[in-house]
Amino acid sequence: SSFCSSFVHQATCPRPELFCRMMLAGATMRRAMAGRVLRPAARVSAVAFSQRSFAASPLETTAKLYEDLVDKSIKEFQSNQKIVADDLDAEIASNKVVLFMEGTPDAPKSEPSQNVVKMLTQAQVVPLVSVDVLAHPAILGYTVSKTSKRRAPHMYVNGSFYADYDGILSKYQTGELAKSLGTESTKSSGVFGGELPIATY
């Protein structure tokens, strides 16, 4: 029988008070056994922790991993340069705004990419084409090689590199992003004039 059917059967047994006592006894026994098993392990773990030396902080380690990813991505792009560059160059040339980001606008996979999506949404920068740099290493290698900026996201406007995260943030804060690329026609009118549209499903 499945776990669910077993649970329902026990919960509806003719003597629920017996079931409750059995459950409490079982929980007490598990806690007691866990204490006997985990206490020696905890001591061993503490000793191992005290002997371990950490060469870098978690942030430094993460940054190093990302740098390694970028290096490998550049090599992957260089080994497939013609086919990758031809396809992505055409994508950039045929669309007004192209965002190379980690993930997609509805599911960003990094904080910088998520923040850029929020800024573009606030400014109503549409239409927008996004390219997931994590879909294949050569894609990240392409945009890093093209922009000389090692950290995505990268945005292209009218076929040329527009800005990376820091540049987009700066243009957003000064109002240049909304002024040069924003769209007022997609915002609400009337009582809620100038506000972002509310999606209805």
N, C-alpha and C. Protein backbone atom coordinates (compact mmCIF):
# COMPACT_ATOMS: atom_id res chain seq x y z
N SER A 1 0.84 -1.19 0.00
CA SER A 1 0.00 0.00 0.00
C SER A 1 0.87 1.24 0.00
N SER A 2 0.35 2.37 -0.51
CA SER A 2 1.10 3.61 -0.59
C SER A 2 1.19 4.27 0.77
N PHE A 3 2.10 5.24 0.90
CA PHE A 3 2.26 5.96 2.17
C PHE A 3 0.96 6.67 2.53
N CYS A 4 0.32 7.30 1.53
CA CYS A 4 -0.92 8.04 1.81
C CYS A 4 -2.02 7.13 2.32
N SER A 5 -2.22 6.01 1.64
CA SER A 5 -3.29 5.12 2.07
C SER A 5 -2.99 4.55 3.45
N SER A 6 -1.71 4.31 3.74
CA SER A 6 -1.34 3.81 5.06
C SER A 6 -1.61 4.86 6.12
N PHE A 7 -1.31 6.10 5.85
CA PHE A 7 -1.52 7.16 6.82
C PHE A 7 -3.00 7.34 7.10
N VAL A 8 -3.82 7.35 6.05
CA VAL A 8 -5.26 7.51 6.21
C VAL A 8 -5.84 6.36 7.03
N HIS A 9 -5.37 5.18 6.75
CA HIS A 9 -5.87 4.01 7.49
C HIS A 9 -5.55 4.14 8.97
N GLN A 10 -4.33 4.57 9.31
CA GLN A 10 -3.96 4.69 10.71
C GLN A 10 -4.73 5.81 11.38
N ALA A 11 -4.91 6.91 10.68
CA ALA A 11 -5.58 8.06 11.28
C ALA A 11 -7.05 7.79 11.54
N THR A 12 -7.64 6.85 10.83
CA THR A 12 -9.07 6.58 11.00
C THR A 12 -9.29 5.24 11.70
N CYS A 13 -8.27 4.73 12.42
CA CYS A 13 -8.44 3.44 13.09
C CYS A 13 -9.43 3.59 14.25
N PRO A 14 -10.06 2.52 14.71
CA PRO A 14 -11.08 2.60 15.75
C PRO A 14 -10.53 3.13 17.07
N ARG A 15 -9.22 3.04 17.29
CA ARG A 15 -8.68 3.49 18.57
C ARG A 15 -7.62 4.57 18.31
N PRO A 16 -8.06 5.80 17.99
CA PRO A 16 -7.10 6.87 17.68
C PRO A 16 -6.16 7.18 18.82
N GLU A 17 -6.64 7.00 20.09
CA GLU A 17 -5.77 7.31 21.22
C GLU A 17 -4.57 6.37 21.26
N LEU A 18 -4.78 5.11 20.83
CA LEU A 18 -3.67 4.17 20.77
C LEU A 18 -2.68 4.58 19.68
N PHE A 19 -3.22 5.02 18.55
CA PHE A 19 -2.37 5.47 17.45
C PHE A 19 -1.51 6.65 17.88
N CYS A 20 -2.10 7.61 18.60
CA CYS A 20 -1.36 8.78 19.06
C CYS A 20 -0.24 8.37 20.02
N ARG A 21 -0.54 7.43 20.96
CA ARG A 21 0.49 6.98 21.89
C ARG A 21 1.62 6.30 21.15
N MET A 22 1.27 5.51 20.12
CA MET A 22 2.29 4.82 19.33
C MET A 22 3.17 5.83 18.60
N MET A 23 2.54 6.87 18.02
CA MET A 23 3.29 7.88 17.30
C MET A 23 4.24 8.63 18.23
N LEU A 24 3.74 9.00 19.45
CA LEU A 24 4.57 9.72 20.39
C LEU A 24 5.73 8.86 20.87
N ALA A 25 5.45 7.58 21.14
CA ALA A 25 6.50 6.67 21.58
C ALA A 25 7.56 6.52 20.49
N GLY A 26 7.10 6.40 19.27
CA GLY A 26 8.04 6.25 18.16
C GLY A 26 8.90 7.48 17.99
N ALA A 27 8.30 8.67 18.13
CA ALA A 27 9.06 9.91 18.00
C ALA A 27 10.08 10.04 19.11
N THR A 28 9.69 9.66 20.35
CA THR A 28 10.63 9.71 21.48
C THR A 28 11.81 8.79 21.25
N MET A 29 11.52 7.58 20.75
CA MET A 29 12.58 6.61 20.49
C MET A 29 13.52 7.11 19.41
N ARG A 30 12.95 7.72 18.35
CA ARG A 30 13.80 8.23 17.28
C ARG A 30 14.71 9.34 17.77
N ARG A 31 14.16 10.23 18.64
CA ARG A 31 14.99 11.31 19.16
C ARG A 31 16.12 10.77 20.02
N ALA A 32 15.81 9.75 20.83
CA ALA A 32 16.83 9.16 21.70
C ALA A 32 17.93 8.50 20.87
N MET A 33 17.52 7.76 19.83
CA MET A 33 18.49 7.08 18.98
C MET A 33 19.32 8.11 18.22
N ALA A 34 18.66 9.17 17.76
CA ALA A 34 19.37 10.20 17.01
C ALA A 34 20.42 10.86 17.89
N GLY A 35 20.08 11.05 19.16
CA GLY A 35 21.03 11.66 20.08
C GLY A 35 22.26 10.80 20.26
N ARG A 36 22.05 9.46 20.39
CA ARG A 36 23.19 8.56 20.57
C ARG A 36 24.06 8.51 19.32
N VAL A 37 23.42 8.59 18.15
CA VAL A 37 24.17 8.47 16.90
C VAL A 37 24.88 9.76 16.56
N LEU A 38 24.21 10.90 16.78
CA LEU A 38 24.72 12.17 16.29
C LEU A 38 25.76 12.80 17.21
N ARG A 39 25.70 12.50 18.52
CA ARG A 39 26.64 13.16 19.42
C ARG A 39 28.09 12.86 19.07
N PRO A 40 28.48 11.58 18.86
CA PRO A 40 29.87 11.34 18.46
C PRO A 40 30.21 11.97 17.12
N ALA A 41 29.24 11.91 16.16
CA ALA A 41 29.49 12.49 14.84
C ALA A 41 29.70 13.99 14.94
N ALA A 42 28.95 14.64 15.85
CA ALA A 42 29.09 16.09 16.02
C ALA A 42 30.48 16.42 16.53
N ARG A 43 31.02 15.58 17.43
CA ARG A 43 32.37 15.83 17.94
C ARG A 43 33.41 15.69 16.84
N VAL A 44 33.24 14.65 16.03
CA VAL A 44 34.16 14.43 14.91
C VAL A 44 34.10 15.61 13.94
N SER A 45 32.85 16.07 13.65
CA SER A 45 32.68 17.19 12.73
C SER A 45 33.34 18.44 13.26
N ALA A 46 33.23 18.68 14.57
CA ALA A 46 33.82 19.86 15.17
C ALA A 46 35.34 19.82 15.06
N VAL A 47 35.92 18.63 15.29
CA VAL A 47 37.37 18.49 15.16
C VAL A 47 37.81 18.74 13.73
N ALA A 48 37.07 18.13 12.76
CA ALA A 48 37.41 18.31 11.35
C ALA A 48 37.31 19.77 10.94
N PHE A 49 36.28 20.46 11.47
CA PHE A 49 36.09 21.87 11.14
C PHE A 49 37.24 22.70 11.67
N SER A 50 37.69 22.40 12.89
CA SER A 50 38.76 23.19 13.48
C SER A 50 40.08 23.00 12.74
N GLN A 51 40.25 21.82 12.10
CA GLN A 51 41.49 21.55 11.39
C GLN A 51 41.47 22.05 9.96
N ARG A 52 40.29 22.36 9.43
CA ARG A 52 40.16 22.78 8.04
C ARG A 52 40.51 24.25 7.90
N SER A 53 41.29 24.58 6.91
CA SER A 53 41.62 25.98 6.66
C SER A 53 40.96 26.41 5.36
N PHE A 54 40.32 27.54 5.38
CA PHE A 54 39.62 28.05 4.21
C PHE A 54 40.49 29.09 3.52
N ALA A 55 40.81 28.85 2.24
CA ALA A 55 41.69 29.75 1.51
C ALA A 55 40.97 30.99 1.02
N ALA A 56 39.65 30.88 0.84
CA ALA A 56 38.91 32.01 0.31
C ALA A 56 37.50 32.03 0.90
N SER A 57 36.89 33.21 0.87
CA SER A 57 35.52 33.33 1.34
C SER A 57 34.57 32.75 0.30
N PRO A 58 33.33 32.45 0.67
CA PRO A 58 32.37 31.92 -0.32
C PRO A 58 32.18 32.84 -1.51
N LEU A 59 32.18 34.15 -1.29
CA LEU A 59 32.02 35.09 -2.40
C LEU A 59 33.20 35.02 -3.35
N GLU A 60 34.40 34.92 -2.81
CA GLU A 60 35.60 34.82 -3.65
C GLU A 60 35.60 33.52 -4.43
N THR A 61 35.14 32.44 -3.78
CA THR A 61 35.07 31.15 -4.45
C THR A 61 34.08 31.19 -5.59
N THR A 62 32.92 31.81 -5.35
CA THR A 62 31.90 31.92 -6.39
C THR A 62 32.40 32.76 -7.56
N ALA A 63 33.08 33.86 -7.25
CA ALA A 63 33.64 34.71 -8.30
C ALA A 63 34.66 33.95 -9.14
N LYS A 64 35.47 33.13 -8.48
CA LYS A 64 36.47 32.34 -9.19
C LYS A 64 35.79 31.32 -10.10
N LEU A 65 34.72 30.70 -9.62
CA LEU A 65 33.98 29.73 -10.44
C LEU A 65 33.40 30.40 -11.68
N TYR A 66 32.89 31.62 -11.50
CA TYR A 66 32.31 32.34 -12.64
C TYR A 66 33.40 32.71 -13.64
N GLU A 67 34.56 33.13 -13.14
CA GLU A 67 35.67 33.46 -14.04
C GLU A 67 36.10 32.23 -14.83
N ASP A 68 36.12 31.07 -14.17
CA ASP A 68 36.46 29.83 -14.87
C ASP A 68 35.43 29.52 -15.95
N LEU A 69 34.15 29.75 -15.62
CA LEU A 69 33.08 29.53 -16.59
C LEU A 69 33.26 30.43 -17.80
N VAL A 70 33.60 31.69 -17.56
CA VAL A 70 33.80 32.64 -18.66
C VAL A 70 34.96 32.19 -19.54
N ASP A 71 36.07 31.79 -18.92
CA ASP A 71 37.23 31.34 -19.69
C ASP A 71 36.88 30.14 -20.58
N LYS A 72 36.17 29.18 -20.02
CA LYS A 72 35.77 28.00 -20.79
C LYS A 72 34.78 28.38 -21.89
N SER A 73 33.91 29.34 -21.61
CA SER A 73 32.92 29.77 -22.59
C SER A 73 33.59 30.45 -23.78
N ILE A 74 34.61 31.24 -23.50
CA ILE A 74 35.34 31.91 -24.59
C ILE A 74 36.01 30.87 -25.49
N LYS A 75 36.61 29.86 -24.88
CA LYS A 75 37.25 28.81 -25.67
C LYS A 75 36.20 28.04 -26.50
N GLU A 76 35.05 27.81 -25.92
CA GLU A 76 33.98 27.11 -26.64
C GLU A 76 33.50 27.95 -27.82
N PHE A 77 33.38 29.26 -27.62
CA PHE A 77 32.98 30.14 -28.71
C PHE A 77 34.03 30.16 -29.81
N GLN A 78 35.29 30.24 -29.43
CA GLN A 78 36.37 30.29 -30.42
C GLN A 78 36.42 29.03 -31.27
N SER A 79 36.06 27.89 -30.69
CA SER A 79 36.08 26.64 -31.45
C SER A 79 34.87 26.50 -32.36
N ASN A 80 33.84 27.33 -32.17
CA ASN A 80 32.64 27.30 -33.01
C ASN A 80 32.29 28.70 -33.49
N GLN A 81 33.30 29.51 -33.68
CA GLN A 81 33.11 30.96 -33.85
C GLN A 81 32.20 31.32 -35.02
N LYS A 82 32.44 30.74 -36.18
CA LYS A 82 31.70 31.17 -37.37
C LYS A 82 30.20 30.92 -37.23
N ILE A 83 29.82 29.70 -36.88
CA ILE A 83 28.39 29.38 -36.83
C ILE A 83 27.68 30.14 -35.71
N VAL A 84 28.35 30.28 -34.57
CA VAL A 84 27.74 30.99 -33.44
C VAL A 84 27.63 32.48 -33.74
N ALA A 85 28.72 33.07 -34.21
CA ALA A 85 28.72 34.51 -34.50
C ALA A 85 27.73 34.86 -35.60
N ASP A 86 27.66 34.03 -36.63
CA ASP A 86 26.73 34.32 -37.73
C ASP A 86 25.29 34.36 -37.23
N ASP A 87 24.92 33.38 -36.42
CA ASP A 87 23.54 33.30 -35.91
C ASP A 87 23.22 34.45 -34.96
N LEU A 88 24.12 34.72 -34.02
CA LEU A 88 23.84 35.75 -33.02
C LEU A 88 24.00 37.17 -33.58
N ASP A 89 24.92 37.34 -34.51
CA ASP A 89 25.03 38.65 -35.18
C ASP A 89 23.73 38.97 -35.91
N ALA A 90 23.15 37.97 -36.56
CA ALA A 90 21.89 38.17 -37.28
C ALA A 90 20.76 38.50 -36.31
N GLU A 91 20.78 37.87 -35.15
CA GLU A 91 19.75 38.13 -34.13
C GLU A 91 19.84 39.57 -33.64
N ILE A 92 21.05 40.02 -33.39
CA ILE A 92 21.26 41.39 -32.91
C ILE A 92 20.88 42.41 -33.99
N ALA A 93 21.22 42.08 -35.23
CA ALA A 93 20.96 43.02 -36.33
C ALA A 93 19.48 43.15 -36.66
N SER A 94 18.71 42.10 -36.44
CA SER A 94 17.30 42.09 -36.85
C SER A 94 16.34 42.51 -35.75
N ASN A 95 16.85 42.83 -34.55
CA ASN A 95 15.98 43.24 -33.45
C ASN A 95 16.51 44.51 -32.80
N LYS A 96 15.61 45.40 -32.43
CA LYS A 96 16.03 46.68 -31.87
C LYS A 96 16.74 46.51 -30.54
N VAL A 97 16.15 45.73 -29.63
CA VAL A 97 16.73 45.55 -28.30
C VAL A 97 16.93 44.05 -28.06
N VAL A 98 18.17 43.66 -27.79
CA VAL A 98 18.49 42.27 -27.50
C VAL A 98 19.25 42.23 -26.17
N LEU A 99 18.75 41.42 -25.26
CA LEU A 99 19.37 41.30 -23.93
C LEU A 99 19.96 39.91 -23.78
N PHE A 100 21.27 39.85 -23.60
CA PHE A 100 21.95 38.60 -23.26
C PHE A 100 21.99 38.52 -21.74
N MET A 101 21.29 37.56 -21.17
CA MET A 101 21.12 37.48 -19.73
C MET A 101 21.24 36.04 -19.25
N GLU A 102 21.38 35.90 -17.95
CA GLU A 102 21.39 34.56 -17.33
C GLU A 102 19.95 34.18 -17.05
N GLY A 103 19.44 33.21 -17.81
CA GLY A 103 18.05 32.81 -17.68
C GLY A 103 17.18 33.53 -18.70
N THR A 104 15.90 33.67 -18.38
CA THR A 104 14.93 34.33 -19.25
C THR A 104 14.21 35.41 -18.46
N PRO A 105 13.53 36.34 -19.14
CA PRO A 105 12.84 37.41 -18.39
C PRO A 105 11.86 36.90 -17.34
N ASP A 106 11.19 35.79 -17.62
CA ASP A 106 10.24 35.26 -16.63
C ASP A 106 10.90 34.35 -15.62
N ALA A 107 12.17 33.98 -15.83
CA ALA A 107 12.89 33.15 -14.87
C ALA A 107 14.38 33.48 -14.88
N PRO A 108 14.75 34.67 -14.38
CA PRO A 108 16.16 35.06 -14.35
C PRO A 108 16.95 34.13 -13.42
N LYS A 109 18.22 33.90 -13.75
CA LYS A 109 19.03 32.98 -12.96
C LYS A 109 20.19 33.68 -12.24
N SER A 110 20.14 34.99 -12.17
CA SER A 110 21.13 35.74 -11.38
C SER A 110 20.48 37.04 -10.94
N GLU A 111 21.03 37.61 -9.87
CA GLU A 111 20.47 38.87 -9.36
C GLU A 111 20.64 40.02 -10.35
N PRO A 112 21.83 40.16 -11.00
CA PRO A 112 21.94 41.24 -11.98
C PRO A 112 20.93 41.11 -13.12
N SER A 113 20.73 39.90 -13.63
CA SER A 113 19.76 39.71 -14.71
C SER A 113 18.34 40.01 -14.24
N GLN A 114 18.02 39.60 -13.04
CA GLN A 114 16.69 39.89 -12.49
C GLN A 114 16.48 41.40 -12.34
N ASN A 115 17.50 42.10 -11.86
CA ASN A 115 17.38 43.55 -11.69
C ASN A 115 17.22 44.27 -13.03
N VAL A 116 17.94 43.81 -14.04
CA VAL A 116 17.82 44.42 -15.37
C VAL A 116 16.42 44.22 -15.91
N VAL A 117 15.86 43.03 -15.73
CA VAL A 117 14.49 42.78 -16.18
C VAL A 117 13.52 43.73 -15.48
N LYS A 118 13.73 43.96 -14.20
CA LYS A 118 12.87 44.89 -13.45
C LYS A 118 12.98 46.31 -14.01
N MET A 119 14.22 46.73 -14.31
CA MET A 119 14.43 48.08 -14.84
C MET A 119 13.80 48.24 -16.22
N LEU A 120 13.96 47.23 -17.07
CA LEU A 120 13.39 47.29 -18.40
C LEU A 120 11.86 47.26 -18.35
N THR A 121 11.34 46.52 -17.39
CA THR A 121 9.88 46.47 -17.20
C THR A 121 9.36 47.82 -16.73
N GLN A 122 10.05 48.40 -15.77
CA GLN A 122 9.63 49.70 -15.24
C GLN A 122 9.64 50.77 -16.33
N ALA A 123 10.66 50.71 -17.20
CA ALA A 123 10.76 51.69 -18.28
C ALA A 123 9.92 51.29 -19.49
N GLN A 124 9.36 50.07 -19.46
CA GLN A 124 8.56 49.54 -20.58
C GLN A 124 9.37 49.54 -21.88
N VAL A 125 10.55 48.91 -21.80
CA VAL A 125 11.39 48.76 -22.98
C VAL A 125 10.90 47.54 -23.76
N VAL A 126 10.05 47.80 -24.73
CA VAL A 126 9.46 46.75 -25.57
C VAL A 126 9.42 47.24 -27.02
N PRO A 127 9.51 46.31 -27.97
CA PRO A 127 9.71 44.86 -27.81
C PRO A 127 11.16 44.55 -27.42
N LEU A 128 11.33 43.37 -26.84
CA LEU A 128 12.63 42.96 -26.33
C LEU A 128 12.86 41.49 -26.68
N VAL A 129 14.05 41.18 -27.17
CA VAL A 129 14.44 39.80 -27.42
C VAL A 129 15.52 39.44 -26.41
N SER A 130 15.36 38.32 -25.72
CA SER A 130 16.36 37.90 -24.73
C SER A 130 17.05 36.63 -25.20
N VAL A 131 18.32 36.51 -24.84
CA VAL A 131 19.12 35.33 -25.16
C VAL A 131 19.73 34.82 -23.85
N ASP A 132 19.50 33.55 -23.55
CA ASP A 132 20.01 32.95 -22.32
C ASP A 132 21.46 32.53 -22.52
N VAL A 133 22.39 33.21 -21.83
CA VAL A 133 23.81 32.90 -22.00
C VAL A 133 24.19 31.58 -21.35
N LEU A 134 23.31 31.03 -20.51
CA LEU A 134 23.60 29.76 -19.87
C LEU A 134 23.08 28.58 -20.67
N ALA A 135 22.39 28.86 -21.78
CA ALA A 135 21.86 27.77 -22.60
C ALA A 135 22.98 26.98 -23.26
N HIS A 136 24.08 27.66 -23.59
CA HIS A 136 25.26 27.01 -24.17
C HIS A 136 26.47 27.88 -23.88
N PRO A 137 27.61 27.27 -23.50
CA PRO A 137 28.79 28.08 -23.16
C PRO A 137 29.23 29.03 -24.27
N ALA A 138 29.06 28.62 -25.53
CA ALA A 138 29.51 29.47 -26.63
C ALA A 138 28.74 30.78 -26.70
N ILE A 139 27.51 30.81 -26.20
CA ILE A 139 26.73 32.05 -26.22
C ILE A 139 27.33 33.08 -25.27
N LEU A 140 27.67 32.63 -24.07
CA LEU A 140 28.34 33.54 -23.12
C LEU A 140 29.69 33.96 -23.68
N GLY A 141 30.42 33.02 -24.27
CA GLY A 141 31.71 33.35 -24.86
C GLY A 141 31.58 34.37 -25.98
N TYR A 142 30.51 34.28 -26.74
CA TYR A 142 30.28 35.23 -27.84
C TYR A 142 30.11 36.65 -27.32
N THR A 143 29.21 36.84 -26.37
CA THR A 143 28.91 38.21 -25.93
C THR A 143 30.05 38.79 -25.09
N VAL A 144 30.78 37.93 -24.35
CA VAL A 144 31.95 38.41 -23.60
C VAL A 144 33.03 38.85 -24.57
N SER A 145 33.25 38.08 -25.61
CA SER A 145 34.26 38.44 -26.62
C SER A 145 33.87 39.71 -27.37
N LYS A 146 32.59 39.87 -27.64
CA LYS A 146 32.12 41.01 -28.43
C LYS A 146 32.16 42.31 -27.64
N THR A 147 31.88 42.23 -26.34
CA THR A 147 31.77 43.44 -25.52
C THR A 147 33.00 43.71 -24.66
N SER A 148 33.84 42.69 -24.46
CA SER A 148 34.97 42.77 -23.52
C SER A 148 34.50 42.99 -22.09
N LYS A 149 33.24 42.65 -21.84
CA LYS A 149 32.68 42.71 -20.49
C LYS A 149 32.45 41.28 -20.03
N ARG A 150 33.10 40.89 -18.94
CA ARG A 150 33.09 39.48 -18.54
C ARG A 150 31.85 39.09 -17.75
N ARG A 151 31.04 40.05 -17.35
CA ARG A 151 29.87 39.72 -16.52
C ARG A 151 28.60 40.10 -17.25
N ALA A 152 27.73 39.11 -17.49
CA ALA A 152 26.41 39.38 -18.06
C ALA A 152 25.55 39.99 -16.95
N PRO A 153 24.46 40.68 -17.36
CA PRO A 153 23.84 40.79 -18.67
C PRO A 153 24.47 41.88 -19.55
N HIS A 154 24.28 41.69 -20.86
CA HIS A 154 24.71 42.67 -21.87
C HIS A 154 23.51 43.02 -22.74
N MET A 155 23.34 44.29 -23.01
CA MET A 155 22.22 44.71 -23.84
C MET A 155 22.72 45.38 -25.12
N TYR A 156 22.09 45.00 -26.23
CA TYR A 156 22.41 45.57 -27.54
C TYR A 156 21.20 46.34 -28.05
N VAL A 157 21.46 47.50 -28.63
CA VAL A 157 20.39 48.34 -29.17
C VAL A 157 20.77 48.75 -30.59
N ASN A 158 19.85 48.51 -31.51
CA ASN A 158 20.07 48.86 -32.92
C ASN A 158 21.38 48.29 -33.47
N GLY A 159 21.66 47.06 -33.10
CA GLY A 159 22.82 46.36 -33.63
C GLY A 159 24.12 46.60 -32.93
N SER A 160 24.16 47.49 -31.93
CA SER A 160 25.41 47.81 -31.24
C SER A 160 25.28 47.56 -29.74
N PHE A 161 26.42 47.31 -29.12
CA PHE A 161 26.43 47.12 -27.66
C PHE A 161 25.99 48.41 -26.98
N TYR A 162 25.03 48.28 -26.07
CA TYR A 162 24.45 49.43 -25.39
C TYR A 162 25.04 49.60 -23.99
N ALA A 163 24.99 48.54 -23.19
CA ALA A 163 25.51 48.64 -21.82
C ALA A 163 25.49 47.28 -21.15
N ASP A 164 26.34 47.15 -20.12
CA ASP A 164 26.27 45.98 -19.24
C ASP A 164 25.41 46.36 -18.04
N TYR A 165 25.46 45.56 -16.98
CA TYR A 165 24.58 45.81 -15.83
C TYR A 165 24.80 47.20 -15.24
N ASP A 166 26.06 47.54 -14.98
CA ASP A 166 26.34 48.85 -14.37
C ASP A 166 25.88 49.99 -15.26
N GLY A 167 26.07 49.85 -16.57
CA GLY A 167 25.65 50.90 -17.49
C GLY A 167 24.14 51.04 -17.55
N ILE A 168 23.43 49.90 -17.56
CA ILE A 168 21.96 49.94 -17.58
C ILE A 168 21.43 50.58 -16.30
N LEU A 169 22.04 50.21 -15.17
CA LEU A 169 21.61 50.77 -13.89
C LEU A 169 21.81 52.29 -13.87
N SER A 170 22.94 52.73 -14.38
CA SER A 170 23.22 54.17 -14.42
C SER A 170 22.21 54.91 -15.30
N LYS A 171 21.93 54.34 -16.47
CA LYS A 171 20.97 54.98 -17.40
C LYS A 171 19.56 54.95 -16.81
N TYR A 172 19.24 53.90 -16.06
CA TYR A 172 17.92 53.82 -15.44
C TYR A 172 17.77 54.89 -14.36
N GLN A 173 18.82 55.06 -13.56
CA GLN A 173 18.75 56.02 -12.45
C GLN A 173 18.69 57.46 -12.95
N THR A 174 19.30 57.75 -14.08
CA THR A 174 19.26 59.12 -14.62
C THR A 174 18.01 59.37 -15.46
N GLY A 175 17.26 58.32 -15.76
CA GLY A 175 16.06 58.47 -16.58
C GLY A 175 16.32 58.32 -18.07
N GLU A 176 17.58 58.14 -18.43
CA GLU A 176 17.92 58.02 -19.85
C GLU A 176 17.33 56.76 -20.47
N LEU A 177 17.28 55.67 -19.70
CA LEU A 177 16.76 54.40 -20.22
C LEU A 177 15.31 54.57 -20.65
N ALA A 178 14.49 55.14 -19.78
CA ALA A 178 13.08 55.32 -20.11
C ALA A 178 12.90 56.34 -21.24
N LYS A 179 13.73 57.38 -21.23
CA LYS A 179 13.59 58.44 -22.23
C LYS A 179 13.97 57.96 -23.63
N SER A 180 15.05 57.18 -23.73
CA SER A 180 15.54 56.77 -25.04
C SER A 180 14.92 55.48 -25.55
N LEU A 181 14.54 54.56 -24.63
CA LEU A 181 14.04 53.26 -25.06
C LEU A 181 12.66 52.91 -24.52
N GLY A 182 12.17 53.69 -23.56
CA GLY A 182 10.89 53.37 -22.93
C GLY A 182 9.71 53.62 -23.85
N THR A 183 8.59 53.02 -23.49
CA THR A 183 7.36 53.13 -24.27
C THR A 183 6.22 53.57 -23.36
N GLU A 184 5.68 54.76 -23.59
CA GLU A 184 4.58 55.25 -22.77
C GLU A 184 3.24 54.64 -23.19
N SER A 185 3.15 54.23 -24.46
CA SER A 185 1.86 53.76 -24.97
C SER A 185 1.40 52.47 -24.30
N THR A 186 2.33 51.71 -23.70
CA THR A 186 1.94 50.46 -23.06
C THR A 186 1.50 50.66 -21.61
N LYS A 187 1.67 51.88 -21.10
CA LYS A 187 1.29 52.13 -19.71
C LYS A 187 -0.20 52.43 -19.62
N SER A 188 -0.72 52.35 -18.40
CA SER A 188 -2.15 52.55 -18.18
C SER A 188 -2.52 54.02 -18.39
N SER A 189 -3.79 54.24 -18.63
CA SER A 189 -4.31 55.60 -18.80
C SER A 189 -5.45 55.82 -17.82
N GLY A 190 -6.03 56.99 -17.84
CA GLY A 190 -7.16 57.28 -16.95
C GLY A 190 -6.70 57.47 -15.52
N VAL A 191 -7.43 56.85 -14.59
CA VAL A 191 -7.14 57.01 -13.16
C VAL A 191 -5.73 56.55 -12.83
N PHE A 192 -5.30 55.49 -13.50
CA PHE A 192 -3.96 54.94 -13.23
C PHE A 192 -2.97 55.35 -14.32
N GLY A 193 -3.16 56.51 -14.89
CA GLY A 193 -2.32 56.97 -15.97
C GLY A 193 -0.85 57.01 -15.61
N GLY A 194 -0.01 56.50 -16.51
CA GLY A 194 1.42 56.51 -16.30
C GLY A 194 1.95 55.33 -15.52
N GLU A 195 1.05 54.50 -14.97
CA GLU A 195 1.50 53.35 -14.19
C GLU A 195 1.64 52.13 -15.10
N LEU A 196 2.36 51.14 -14.60
CA LEU A 196 2.55 49.92 -15.38
C LEU A 196 1.23 49.21 -15.57
N PRO A 197 1.05 48.58 -16.73
CA PRO A 197 -0.21 47.85 -16.97
C PRO A 197 -0.32 46.63 -16.07
N ILE A 198 -1.55 46.28 -15.74
CA ILE A 198 -1.81 45.10 -14.91
C ILE A 198 -2.28 43.98 -15.82
N ALA A 199 -1.58 42.84 -15.72
CA ALA A 199 -1.96 41.70 -16.59
C ALA A 199 -3.25 41.08 -16.08
N THR A 200 -4.10 40.72 -17.00
CA THR A 200 -5.34 40.01 -16.67
C THR A 200 -5.36 38.69 -17.42
N TYR A 201 -5.81 37.66 -16.74
CA TYR A 201 -5.79 36.32 -17.33
C TYR A 201 -7.20 35.72 -17.30
